[in-house]
């Protein structure tokens, strides 16, 4: 399991963007599922991760080449489990990730749900 944002582990910060005009200006992007953002990121050859809301978005995000497919661990535990199963069944190239707080229980939940990566909130710049 990969852990990003822990104080003792070196990492590169993510840039969470809400406006498509920022795609070309930043690297290591995170954004909500939006095909326009994906198209813009690919056009500018940017590495990107996508926050998804359902299984179809997870499958598409993998096909789009997202580095991480991010699922909300606290709001939808069932979706986390389903996406992990899909990733194992279809052998996704993308890694399944959750965003966690500094609480040990969040990291434990990420481990128990067998996600590929836990990303601490402090590893994300909000643009």
Protein backbone atom coordinates (compact mmCIF):
# COMPACT_ATOMS: atom_id res chain seq x y z
CA UNK A 1 0.00 0.00 0.00
CA UNK A 2 1.22 3.45 -0.90
CA UNK A 3 0.86 6.23 1.68
CA UNK A 4 1.11 9.84 0.51
CA UNK A 5 1.32 12.78 2.89
CA UNK A 6 2.60 11.16 6.07
CA UNK A 7 5.12 13.41 7.80
CA UNK A 8 7.89 10.79 7.62
CA UNK A 9 7.35 9.84 3.98
CA UNK A 10 8.63 12.01 1.14
CA UNK A 11 5.91 12.94 -1.35
CA UNK A 12 4.91 15.36 -4.08
CA UNK A 13 1.82 17.44 -3.32
CA UNK A 14 -1.30 17.11 -5.43
CA UNK A 15 -3.14 20.12 -6.83
CA UNK A 16 -6.91 19.91 -6.55
CA UNK A 17 -8.54 22.08 -9.19
CA UNK A 18 -12.14 23.19 -9.66
CA UNK A 19 -11.64 25.30 -12.77
CA UNK A 20 -10.53 23.85 -16.10
CA UNK A 21 -8.32 26.88 -16.84
CA UNK A 22 -5.87 25.68 -14.15
CA UNK A 23 -5.16 22.36 -15.87
CA UNK A 24 -2.30 23.76 -17.94
CA UNK A 25 -0.78 25.67 -14.99
CA UNK A 26 -0.27 22.87 -12.47
CA UNK A 27 1.06 19.32 -12.28
CA UNK A 28 -0.10 16.27 -10.32
CA UNK A 29 -3.76 17.23 -10.68
CA UNK A 30 -6.82 16.00 -8.80
CA UNK A 31 -10.31 16.83 -10.00
CA UNK A 32 -13.86 15.49 -9.86
CA UNK A 33 -14.86 13.24 -12.74
CA UNK A 34 -15.32 15.48 -15.78
CA UNK A 35 -14.47 14.44 -19.33
CA UNK A 36 -13.60 18.04 -20.25
CA UNK A 37 -10.94 18.16 -17.53
CA UNK A 38 -9.56 14.81 -18.69
CA UNK A 39 -9.39 16.01 -22.28
CA UNK A 40 -7.57 19.19 -21.22
CA UNK A 41 -5.14 17.27 -18.98
CA UNK A 42 -4.30 14.87 -21.80
CA UNK A 43 -3.85 17.77 -24.23
CA UNK A 44 -1.27 19.32 -21.87
CA UNK A 45 0.29 15.93 -21.02
CA UNK A 46 -0.52 16.32 -17.31
CA UNK A 47 -0.60 13.52 -14.77
CA UNK A 48 -4.06 13.45 -13.20
CA UNK A 49 -6.18 11.66 -10.63
CA UNK A 50 -9.97 11.60 -10.62
CA UNK A 51 -12.45 11.67 -7.74
CA UNK A 52 -15.29 9.39 -8.79
CA UNK A 53 -18.88 8.95 -7.66
CA UNK A 54 -19.86 5.59 -9.14
CA UNK A 55 -18.57 2.39 -10.70
CA UNK A 56 -18.94 3.58 -14.30
CA UNK A 57 -16.79 6.62 -13.56
CA UNK A 58 -14.19 4.31 -12.02
CA UNK A 59 -14.00 2.14 -15.15
CA UNK A 60 -13.85 5.19 -17.42
CA UNK A 61 -11.19 6.88 -15.26
CA UNK A 62 -8.98 3.83 -15.62
CA UNK A 63 -9.50 3.85 -19.39
CA UNK A 64 -8.68 7.59 -19.47
CA UNK A 65 -5.32 6.89 -17.84
CA UNK A 66 -5.88 8.41 -14.39
CA UNK A 67 -2.96 7.72 -12.05
CA UNK A 68 -5.30 7.38 -9.08
CA UNK A 69 -9.02 6.73 -8.93
CA UNK A 70 -10.12 8.38 -5.70
CA UNK A 71 -13.17 7.21 -3.76
CA UNK A 72 -14.60 8.93 -0.68
CA UNK A 73 -13.93 6.45 2.13
CA UNK A 74 -16.10 8.21 4.71
CA UNK A 75 -19.16 8.83 2.55
CA UNK A 76 -19.39 5.63 0.55
CA UNK A 77 -17.73 2.53 1.95
CA UNK A 78 -19.76 0.29 -0.39
CA UNK A 79 -18.42 2.12 -3.43
CA UNK A 80 -14.86 1.74 -2.15
CA UNK A 81 -15.35 -2.03 -1.90
CA UNK A 82 -16.99 -2.28 -5.35
CA UNK A 83 -14.26 -0.23 -7.04
CA UNK A 84 -11.50 -2.32 -5.41
CA UNK A 85 -13.23 -5.47 -6.74
CA UNK A 86 -13.54 -3.95 -10.22
CA UNK A 87 -9.87 -2.97 -10.20
CA UNK A 88 -8.84 -6.49 -9.24
CA UNK A 89 -11.17 -8.16 -11.75
CA UNK A 90 -10.29 -5.92 -14.70
CA UNK A 91 -6.64 -5.44 -13.70
CA UNK A 92 -6.81 -1.64 -13.67
CA UNK A 93 -3.60 0.24 -14.40
CA UNK A 94 -4.89 3.08 -12.20
CA UNK A 95 -4.47 2.76 -8.45
CA UNK A 96 -7.49 2.94 -6.16
CA UNK A 97 -7.02 5.64 -3.51
CA UNK A 98 -8.86 7.24 -0.64
CA UNK A 99 -8.27 10.62 0.98
CA UNK A 100 -7.80 10.39 4.74
CA UNK A 101 -7.45 12.69 7.74
CA UNK A 102 -4.61 12.36 10.23
CA UNK A 103 -6.56 9.80 12.23
CA UNK A 104 -5.16 6.29 12.60
CA UNK A 105 -8.68 4.90 12.18
CA UNK A 106 -8.86 6.34 8.66
CA UNK A 107 -5.62 4.61 7.70
CA UNK A 108 -6.88 1.38 9.28
CA UNK A 109 -10.09 1.61 7.21
CA UNK A 110 -8.04 2.16 4.06
CA UNK A 111 -5.96 -0.93 4.88
CA UNK A 112 -9.02 -3.05 5.71
CA UNK A 113 -10.66 -2.08 2.43
CA UNK A 114 -7.52 -3.03 0.49
CA UNK A 115 -7.12 0.21 -1.42
CA UNK A 116 -3.83 0.75 -3.24
CA UNK A 117 -3.15 4.15 -1.76
CA UNK A 118 -4.08 6.41 1.16
CA UNK A 119 -3.63 10.13 0.55
CA UNK A 120 -3.54 12.42 3.57
CA UNK A 121 -5.53 15.64 3.09
CA UNK A 122 -2.44 17.70 3.87
CA UNK A 123 -0.84 16.32 0.69
CA UNK A 124 -3.37 18.21 -1.42
CA UNK A 125 -3.20 21.89 -2.36
CA UNK A 126 -6.62 23.36 -3.14
CA UNK A 127 -6.35 25.68 -6.12
